[in-house]
Amino acid sequence: MIDQKIIETLNNYTELDNYLIKNCVPKIFLVCGHSINHLTLGKYFDNMKSRIDIEVIKFSDFQPNPSYDSIVNGVNKFIESQANTIIAVGGGSAIDVAKCIKIYSNMDHSKNYLQQKIVPNSIHLIAIPTTAGTGSEATRYAVIYYNGEKQSISDFSCIPSLVMLDPTVLKTLPLFQKKATMLDALCHSLESFWSVNSTAESLKSSEAALRIILSNISDYLNNSDTGNANMMRASYIAGKAINITQTTAGHAMCYKLTKMYDIPHGYAAALVNTELWPWMIANSERCCDKRGSKHLLGCFEKISEIFNTSSPCDAAKLFQNIVNSLNMPVISAKTEADIDILQASVNPVRLKNNPIKLETDDISYIYKRILKITDRN
């Protein structure tokens, strides 16, 4: 695994300058959204050539939930630039695009990259997140869309070698986006905690992230400096946790919700987990984690302790109350056929990380609960 270097700063990028100079970087390929123009970071990169004689080539031709075609375009632009360092500035989409440009840049460009084996390369990848939620800066994963369908990319070689955390970038982040990304970090922490792949290290990270998030929700949403700094750190720590464990059914079931109802990814994951969590507590005897139902119940009890509640059911209810208190958009099914579409979209590989196996009827039941169609007797 890559040993990440972390820079924590407050609007001062001297340490990044020093890193680039020390590594003799003559040119960088900057993957960023247009929002960078409203940040101090934008001026920092605009002045880089005159300040430390490093040329910057910008690439912003991608959208949220980036398409494979935009990745191909990015790879071509990167090769044309002759840069040897990629810096990603933005949320999960920008970082995922940068990861894919890095790993695809030395592949056979006449063939579909998704069908080729990833071979590690020496290209520097630096990530500067501008949201507190995805944790992509800490993980080996990237998500892109091919012909409208989600593709999960995974390779340790795409983990950024350097991450710079600057919570001042959250000051101008719209409140709606702050809420959605916070929910993503919260779901990462929870799902990693109960994942069948959890380890002592991941559990330590999950717990740390949960405690930071729960104690900073108000300060973060009120845009305080302390709240922003703590939430950005929590997002990164939660990312480290899912880098070990991967996500579970909460994420496996949320992607189609995001697309069908045009809601943010983090909110979609939270909607699934508001129903998945109590369902798992009620069905803990069906545990498929090799460590057994006693281990799973212990996880639920520990989460309850972290939430400062008297029982796992109360913790799940508190989580639901947190989601409801954010006043996010209410979604509902257009027809019952939506349930069939959603159920068919779930990736069974992702479900293997869940501590309780979900059958088709269970998945449909949870979707119906989310969309308030009916209750199962």
Protein backbone atom coordinates (compact mmCIF):
# COMPACT_ATOMS: atom_id res chain seq x y z
CA MET A 1 0.00 0.00 0.00
CA ILE A 2 1.02 3.61 -0.57
CA ASP A 3 2.29 5.44 2.50
CA GLN A 4 0.35 8.68 2.28
CA LYS A 5 1.79 12.00 3.31
CA ILE A 6 -0.79 14.33 4.89
CA ILE A 7 -0.64 18.12 4.94
CA GLU A 8 -3.15 19.87 7.20
CA THR A 9 -3.26 23.59 6.55
CA LEU A 10 -5.36 26.71 6.86
CA ASN A 11 -5.16 28.57 3.58
CA ASN A 12 -1.34 28.35 3.49
CA TYR A 13 0.16 26.21 0.76
CA THR A 14 3.88 26.71 1.37
CA GLU A 15 4.29 23.07 2.36
CA LEU A 16 2.79 21.97 -0.96
CA ASP A 17 5.16 24.31 -2.80
CA ASN A 18 8.07 22.74 -0.94
CA TYR A 19 6.86 19.23 -1.77
CA LEU A 20 6.63 20.01 -5.48
CA ILE A 21 10.03 21.71 -5.53
CA LYS A 22 11.65 18.87 -3.58
CA ASN A 23 10.27 16.33 -6.07
CA CYS A 24 11.48 18.40 -9.04
CA VAL A 25 8.02 18.73 -10.58
CA PRO A 26 8.21 20.91 -13.74
CA LYS A 27 4.56 20.65 -14.77
CA ILE A 28 1.30 19.54 -13.18
CA PHE A 29 -1.97 18.34 -14.68
CA LEU A 30 -4.68 19.92 -12.54
CA VAL A 31 -8.00 18.04 -12.46
CA CYS A 32 -10.59 20.38 -10.98
CA GLY A 33 -14.13 21.62 -11.19
CA HIS A 34 -14.99 25.20 -12.09
CA SER A 35 -15.64 26.00 -8.42
CA ILE A 36 -11.88 26.27 -7.93
CA ASN A 37 -12.15 29.77 -9.41
CA HIS A 38 -13.96 30.89 -6.25
CA LEU A 39 -11.30 29.53 -3.89
CA THR A 40 -7.93 30.83 -2.76
CA LEU A 41 -6.62 27.57 -4.22
CA GLY A 42 -7.57 28.86 -7.67
CA LYS A 43 -5.26 31.86 -7.33
CA TYR A 44 -2.58 29.62 -5.86
CA PHE A 45 -2.48 27.50 -9.02
CA ASP A 46 -2.92 30.49 -11.35
CA ASN A 47 0.23 32.05 -9.87
CA MET A 48 2.27 28.87 -9.68
CA LYS A 49 4.28 29.46 -12.86
CA SER A 50 5.41 32.94 -11.82
CA ARG A 51 5.95 31.94 -8.21
CA ILE A 52 7.88 28.65 -8.40
CA ASP A 53 8.18 28.09 -12.18
CA ILE A 54 5.82 25.10 -12.36
CA GLU A 55 3.46 25.03 -15.34
CA VAL A 56 -0.19 24.17 -14.70
CA ILE A 57 -2.46 22.52 -17.29
CA LYS A 58 -6.10 22.48 -16.17
CA PHE A 59 -8.65 19.78 -17.00
CA SER A 60 -12.26 20.43 -16.02
CA ASP A 61 -14.18 18.69 -18.80
CA PHE A 62 -16.19 16.29 -16.62
CA GLN A 63 -19.42 16.28 -14.64
CA PRO A 64 -20.53 14.82 -11.31
CA ASN A 65 -20.80 11.04 -11.72
CA PRO A 66 -18.14 11.26 -14.46
CA SER A 67 -18.51 9.29 -17.66
CA TYR A 68 -15.98 6.92 -19.18
CA ASP A 69 -15.76 9.19 -22.23
CA SER A 70 -14.65 12.14 -20.08
CA ILE A 71 -11.96 9.92 -18.57
CA VAL A 72 -10.70 8.98 -22.04
CA ASN A 73 -10.59 12.66 -22.92
CA GLY A 74 -8.68 13.37 -19.72
CA VAL A 75 -6.15 10.63 -20.43
CA ASN A 76 -5.51 12.06 -23.90
CA LYS A 77 -5.09 15.58 -22.51
CA PHE A 78 -2.74 14.33 -19.81
CA ILE A 79 -0.53 12.51 -22.31
CA GLU A 80 -0.45 15.61 -24.52
CA SER A 81 0.58 17.74 -21.55
CA GLN A 82 3.69 15.61 -20.87
CA ALA A 83 3.20 16.24 -17.15
CA ASN A 84 4.33 13.66 -14.61
CA THR A 85 2.21 14.86 -11.69
CA ILE A 86 -1.58 15.00 -11.33
CA ILE A 87 -3.28 17.14 -8.71
CA ALA A 88 -6.99 16.68 -8.05
CA VAL A 89 -8.91 19.54 -6.45
CA GLY A 90 -12.58 18.97 -5.74
CA GLY A 91 -15.06 16.46 -4.40
CA GLY A 92 -15.20 12.75 -5.10
CA SER A 93 -15.81 13.17 -8.83
CA ALA A 94 -12.65 15.23 -9.43
CA ILE A 95 -10.53 12.87 -7.36
CA ASP A 96 -12.01 9.79 -9.07
CA VAL A 97 -11.34 11.31 -12.51
CA ALA A 98 -7.74 12.01 -11.52
CA LYS A 99 -7.30 8.47 -10.21
CA CYS A 100 -8.54 6.99 -13.49
CA ILE A 101 -6.35 9.30 -15.58
CA LYS A 102 -3.35 8.14 -13.58
CA ILE A 103 -3.99 4.40 -13.85
CA TYR A 104 -5.19 4.45 -17.48
CA SER A 105 -2.42 6.68 -18.84
CA ASN A 106 0.01 3.82 -19.46
CA MET A 107 -2.54 1.37 -20.88
CA ASP A 108 -3.28 0.41 -24.48
CA HIS A 109 -5.23 3.44 -25.71
CA SER A 110 -6.75 1.54 -28.63
CA LYS A 111 -8.74 -0.72 -26.29
CA ASN A 112 -11.37 -0.19 -23.60
CA TYR A 113 -9.54 0.63 -20.36
CA LEU A 114 -12.17 -1.15 -18.28
CA GLN A 115 -11.24 -4.43 -19.97
CA GLN A 116 -7.51 -4.17 -19.29
CA LYS A 117 -5.38 -5.11 -16.32
CA ILE A 118 -4.17 -2.16 -14.24
CA VAL A 119 -0.40 -1.88 -14.11
CA PRO A 120 0.99 0.51 -11.44
CA ASN A 121 2.97 3.50 -12.67
CA SER A 122 5.18 6.18 -11.10
CA ILE A 123 2.95 9.18 -11.84
CA HIS A 124 2.51 11.37 -8.76
CA LEU A 125 -1.09 11.83 -7.65
CA ILE A 126 -1.98 14.54 -5.12
CA ALA A 127 -5.51 15.02 -3.78
CA ILE A 128 -6.97 18.20 -2.28
CA PRO A 129 -10.60 17.55 -1.27
CA THR A 130 -13.00 20.50 -1.27
CA THR A 131 -15.82 18.62 0.47
CA ALA A 132 -15.97 16.62 3.69
CA GLY A 133 -17.66 13.38 2.83
CA THR A 134 -16.44 11.13 0.04
CA GLY A 135 -13.10 10.19 1.61
CA SER A 136 -11.91 9.41 -1.92
CA GLU A 137 -8.55 10.99 -1.09
CA ALA A 138 -7.88 8.04 1.26
CA THR A 139 -9.10 5.11 -0.83
CA ARG A 140 -8.12 2.79 -3.65
CA TYR A 141 -11.55 3.17 -5.26
CA ALA A 142 -13.01 5.29 -8.02
CA VAL A 143 -16.49 5.37 -9.53
CA ILE A 144 -17.23 6.25 -13.14
CA TYR A 145 -20.13 5.55 -15.50
CA TYR A 146 -19.95 3.56 -18.73
CA ASN A 147 -23.03 3.66 -20.98
CA GLY A 148 -24.93 5.04 -18.00
CA GLU A 149 -23.99 2.17 -15.68
CA LYS A 150 -21.80 2.57 -12.61
CA GLN A 151 -18.32 1.03 -12.81
CA SER A 152 -16.24 0.55 -9.67
CA ILE A 153 -12.50 0.82 -10.20
CA SER A 154 -10.19 -0.53 -7.52
CA ASP A 155 -6.41 -0.60 -7.31
CA PHE A 156 -3.96 0.35 -4.58
CA SER A 157 -1.85 2.24 -7.12
CA CYS A 158 -4.51 4.95 -7.44
CA ILE A 159 -4.31 5.98 -3.79
CA PRO A 160 -2.92 9.55 -3.76
CA SER A 161 0.62 9.76 -2.41
CA LEU A 162 -0.09 13.17 -0.89
CA VAL A 163 -3.30 14.58 0.57
CA MET A 164 -3.72 18.20 1.57
CA LEU A 165 -6.60 18.99 3.92
CA ASP A 166 -7.60 22.65 3.97
CA PRO A 167 -10.92 23.14 5.78
CA THR A 168 -11.17 26.78 4.66
CA VAL A 169 -12.44 25.49 1.29
CA LEU A 170 -15.63 24.38 3.07
CA LYS A 171 -16.54 27.97 3.94
CA THR A 172 -18.14 28.56 0.53
CA LEU A 173 -19.62 25.09 0.09
CA PRO A 174 -23.45 25.33 -0.23
CA LEU A 175 -25.27 24.08 2.87
CA PHE A 176 -27.19 21.45 0.88
CA GLN A 177 -23.92 19.94 -0.34
CA LYS A 178 -22.42 20.10 3.15
CA LYS A 179 -25.35 18.07 4.47
CA ALA A 180 -25.15 15.46 1.71
CA THR A 181 -21.40 14.93 1.95
CA MET A 182 -21.54 14.73 5.75
CA LEU A 183 -24.10 11.94 5.42
CA ASP A 184 -21.75 10.11 3.08
CA ALA A 185 -18.95 10.23 5.67
CA LEU A 186 -21.37 9.11 8.37
CA CYS A 187 -22.52 6.16 6.25
CA HIS A 188 -18.93 5.21 5.44
CA SER A 189 -18.17 5.08 9.17
CA LEU A 190 -21.22 2.96 9.97
CA GLU A 191 -20.92 0.55 7.07
CA SER A 192 -17.24 0.01 7.69
CA PHE A 193 -18.01 -0.73 11.34
CA TRP A 194 -20.40 -3.59 10.55
CA SER A 195 -18.69 -4.82 7.36
CA VAL A 196 -17.66 -8.49 7.27
CA ASN A 197 -14.19 -7.23 6.29
CA SER A 198 -13.63 -5.12 9.40
CA THR A 199 -10.30 -5.37 11.21
CA ALA A 200 -8.93 -3.91 14.43
CA GLU A 201 -7.45 -1.06 12.39
CA SER A 202 -10.65 -0.31 10.45
CA LEU A 203 -12.77 -0.44 13.60
CA LYS A 204 -10.47 2.07 15.25
CA SER A 205 -10.84 4.41 12.27
CA SER A 206 -14.62 3.90 12.07
CA GLU A 207 -15.05 4.70 15.75
CA ALA A 208 -12.84 7.77 15.55
CA ALA A 209 -14.71 9.10 12.52
CA LEU A 210 -18.13 8.47 14.10
CA ARG A 211 -17.21 10.25 17.31
CA ILE A 212 -15.86 13.27 15.44
CA ILE A 213 -18.87 13.51 13.13
CA LEU A 214 -21.49 13.16 15.86
CA SER A 215 -19.86 15.78 18.06
CA ASN A 216 -19.40 18.31 15.25
CA ILE A 217 -22.64 18.22 13.24
CA SER A 218 -23.95 21.52 14.57
CA ASP A 219 -20.65 23.40 14.34
CA TYR A 220 -20.06 22.06 10.84
CA LEU A 221 -23.50 23.01 9.53
CA ASN A 222 -23.10 26.43 11.16
CA ASN A 223 -19.88 26.80 9.16
CA SER A 224 -17.55 27.26 12.13
CA ASP A 225 -13.82 26.88 11.54
CA THR A 226 -13.55 24.13 14.14
CA GLY A 227 -16.55 22.25 12.79
CA ASN A 228 -15.23 22.39 9.24
CA ALA A 229 -11.74 21.24 10.26
CA ASN A 230 -13.06 18.34 12.31
CA MET A 231 -15.53 17.20 9.64
CA MET A 232 -12.85 17.23 6.95
CA ARG A 233 -10.59 15.15 9.19
CA ALA A 234 -13.45 12.75 9.99
CA SER A 235 -14.21 12.30 6.30
CA TYR A 236 -10.60 11.36 5.64
CA ILE A 237 -10.53 8.91 8.56
CA ALA A 238 -13.79 7.31 7.39
CA GLY A 239 -12.19 6.98 3.96
CA LYS A 240 -9.28 5.10 5.52
CA ALA A 241 -11.79 2.75 7.14
CA ILE A 242 -13.65 1.88 3.93
CA ASN A 243 -10.34 1.52 2.12
CA ILE A 244 -9.88 -1.56 4.32
CA THR A 245 -13.43 -2.88 4.54
CA GLN A 246 -15.30 -1.50 1.51
CA THR A 247 -18.88 -0.32 1.89
CA THR A 248 -21.87 -2.62 2.40
CA ALA A 249 -25.52 -2.83 1.37
CA GLY A 250 -26.15 0.81 2.27
CA HIS A 251 -24.01 1.86 -0.67
CA ALA A 252 -24.82 -1.09 -2.93
CA MET A 253 -28.48 -0.11 -2.80
CA CYS A 254 -28.08 3.66 -3.07
CA TYR A 255 -26.65 4.23 -6.54
CA LYS A 256 -29.84 3.73 -8.51
CA LEU A 257 -31.76 5.84 -5.99
CA THR A 258 -29.35 8.68 -6.73
CA LYS A 259 -29.95 8.40 -10.46
CA MET A 260 -33.69 7.73 -10.48
CA TYR A 261 -34.68 10.44 -8.03
CA ASP A 262 -31.92 12.96 -8.68
CA ILE A 263 -30.70 13.11 -5.10
CA PRO A 264 -27.11 13.37 -3.78
CA HIS A 265 -25.19 10.16 -3.27
CA GLY A 266 -24.61 10.69 0.46
CA TYR A 267 -28.29 11.33 1.09
CA ALA A 268 -29.25 8.23 -0.91
CA ALA A 269 -26.88 6.10 1.17
CA ALA A 270 -28.36 7.57 4.35
CA LEU A 271 -31.90 6.79 3.20
CA VAL A 272 -30.94 3.15 2.66
CA ASN A 273 -29.19 2.90 6.02
CA THR A 274 -32.14 4.38 7.92
CA GLU A 275 -34.07 1.24 6.92
CA LEU A 276 -31.21 -1.24 6.56
CA TRP A 277 -29.81 -0.72 10.06
CA PRO A 278 -32.98 -1.53 12.08
CA TRP A 279 -33.72 -4.38 9.66
CA MET A 280 -30.29 -5.89 10.40
CA ILE A 281 -30.80 -5.54 14.15
CA ALA A 282 -34.12 -7.39 13.85
CA ASN A 283 -32.54 -10.12 11.70
CA SER A 284 -29.17 -10.51 13.44
CA GLU A 285 -29.67 -14.27 13.76
CA ARG A 286 -29.17 -14.46 9.97
CA CYS A 287 -25.61 -13.13 10.32
CA CYS A 288 -23.26 -14.35 7.58
CA ASP A 289 -20.09 -12.82 9.04
CA LYS A 290 -17.73 -15.71 9.81
CA ARG A 291 -17.23 -14.22 13.27
CA GLY A 292 -20.88 -14.93 14.04
CA SER A 293 -23.94 -13.08 15.28
CA LYS A 294 -22.32 -12.41 18.66
CA HIS A 295 -19.67 -10.30 16.91
CA LEU A 296 -22.31 -8.43 14.93
CA LEU A 297 -24.41 -7.73 18.01
CA GLY A 298 -21.24 -6.49 19.70
CA CYS A 299 -20.71 -4.08 16.79
CA PHE A 300 -24.27 -2.78 17.15
CA GLU A 301 -23.78 -2.37 20.91
CA LYS A 302 -20.53 -0.48 20.39
CA ILE A 303 -22.16 1.84 17.85
CA SER A 304 -24.94 2.45 20.36
CA GLU A 305 -22.33 3.44 22.93
CA ILE A 306 -20.70 5.83 20.43
CA PHE A 307 -24.13 7.35 19.69
CA ASN A 308 -24.65 7.67 23.45
CA THR A 309 -27.91 5.73 23.33
CA SER A 310 -29.23 2.93 25.52
CA SER A 311 -29.68 0.30 22.80
CA PRO A 312 -28.83 -0.48 19.17
CA CYS A 313 -32.45 0.25 18.20
CA ASP A 314 -32.20 3.68 19.82
CA ALA A 315 -28.96 4.37 17.94
CA ALA A 316 -30.61 3.47 14.63
CA LYS A 317 -33.54 5.73 15.54
CA LEU A 318 -31.17 8.59 16.40
CA PHE A 319 -29.47 8.16 13.03
CA GLN A 320 -32.87 8.40 11.34
CA ASN A 321 -33.65 11.53 13.36
CA ILE A 322 -30.36 13.10 12.26
CA VAL A 323 -31.20 12.42 8.61
CA ASN A 324 -34.75 13.75 9.02
CA SER A 325 -33.54 16.89 10.81
CA LEU A 326 -31.56 17.96 7.74
CA ASN A 327 -34.77 18.60 5.78
CA MET A 328 -33.51 16.97 2.60
CA PRO A 329 -35.93 16.34 -0.31
CA VAL A 330 -38.60 13.70 0.25
CA ILE A 331 -38.67 11.07 -2.47
CA SER A 332 -41.45 8.69 -3.46
CA ALA A 333 -41.94 6.03 -6.10
CA LYS A 334 -43.73 6.97 -9.28
CA THR A 335 -45.06 3.42 -9.66
CA GLU A 336 -44.43 0.09 -7.97
CA ALA A 337 -42.37 -0.81 -11.03
CA ASP A 338 -39.69 1.44 -9.55
CA ILE A 339 -39.06 -1.23 -6.92
CA ASP A 340 -38.29 -3.84 -9.57
CA ILE A 341 -35.88 -1.46 -11.31
CA LEU A 342 -34.13 -0.63 -8.05
CA GLN A 343 -33.92 -4.25 -6.95
CA ALA A 344 -32.42 -5.34 -10.28
CA SER A 345 -29.78 -2.61 -10.08
CA VAL A 346 -28.11 -3.84 -6.90
CA ASN A 347 -24.58 -5.16 -7.35
CA PRO A 348 -24.41 -8.58 -5.61
CA VAL A 349 -20.63 -8.23 -5.16
CA ARG A 350 -21.15 -5.20 -2.91
CA LEU A 351 -23.76 -7.14 -0.92
CA LYS A 352 -21.15 -9.74 0.02
CA ASN A 353 -19.62 -7.22 2.42
CA ASN A 354 -22.88 -6.94 4.35
CA PRO A 355 -23.04 -8.92 7.62
CA ILE A 356 -26.52 -10.24 6.85
CA LYS A 357 -27.33 -11.71 3.46
CA LEU A 358 -30.14 -9.89 1.71
CA GLU A 359 -32.49 -11.94 -0.42
CA THR A 360 -34.50 -10.41 -3.25
CA ASP A 361 -37.57 -10.00 -1.02
CA ASP A 362 -35.47 -8.26 1.65
CA ILE A 363 -34.09 -5.76 -0.86
CA SER A 364 -37.58 -5.02 -2.18
CA TYR A 365 -38.89 -4.60 1.35
CA ILE A 366 -36.20 -2.07 2.25
CA TYR A 367 -36.81 -0.08 -0.94
CA LYS A 368 -40.54 -0.05 -0.22
CA ARG A 369 -39.82 1.27 3.26
CA ILE A 370 -37.59 4.01 1.84
CA LEU A 371 -40.19 5.02 -0.74
CA LYS A 372 -43.08 4.53 1.73
CA ILE A 373 -45.01 2.25 -0.56
CA THR A 374 -46.12 -0.36 1.96
CA ASP A 375 -45.08 -2.25 5.06
CA ARG A 376 -44.55 -5.97 5.01
CA ASN A 377 -46.62 -7.90 7.53
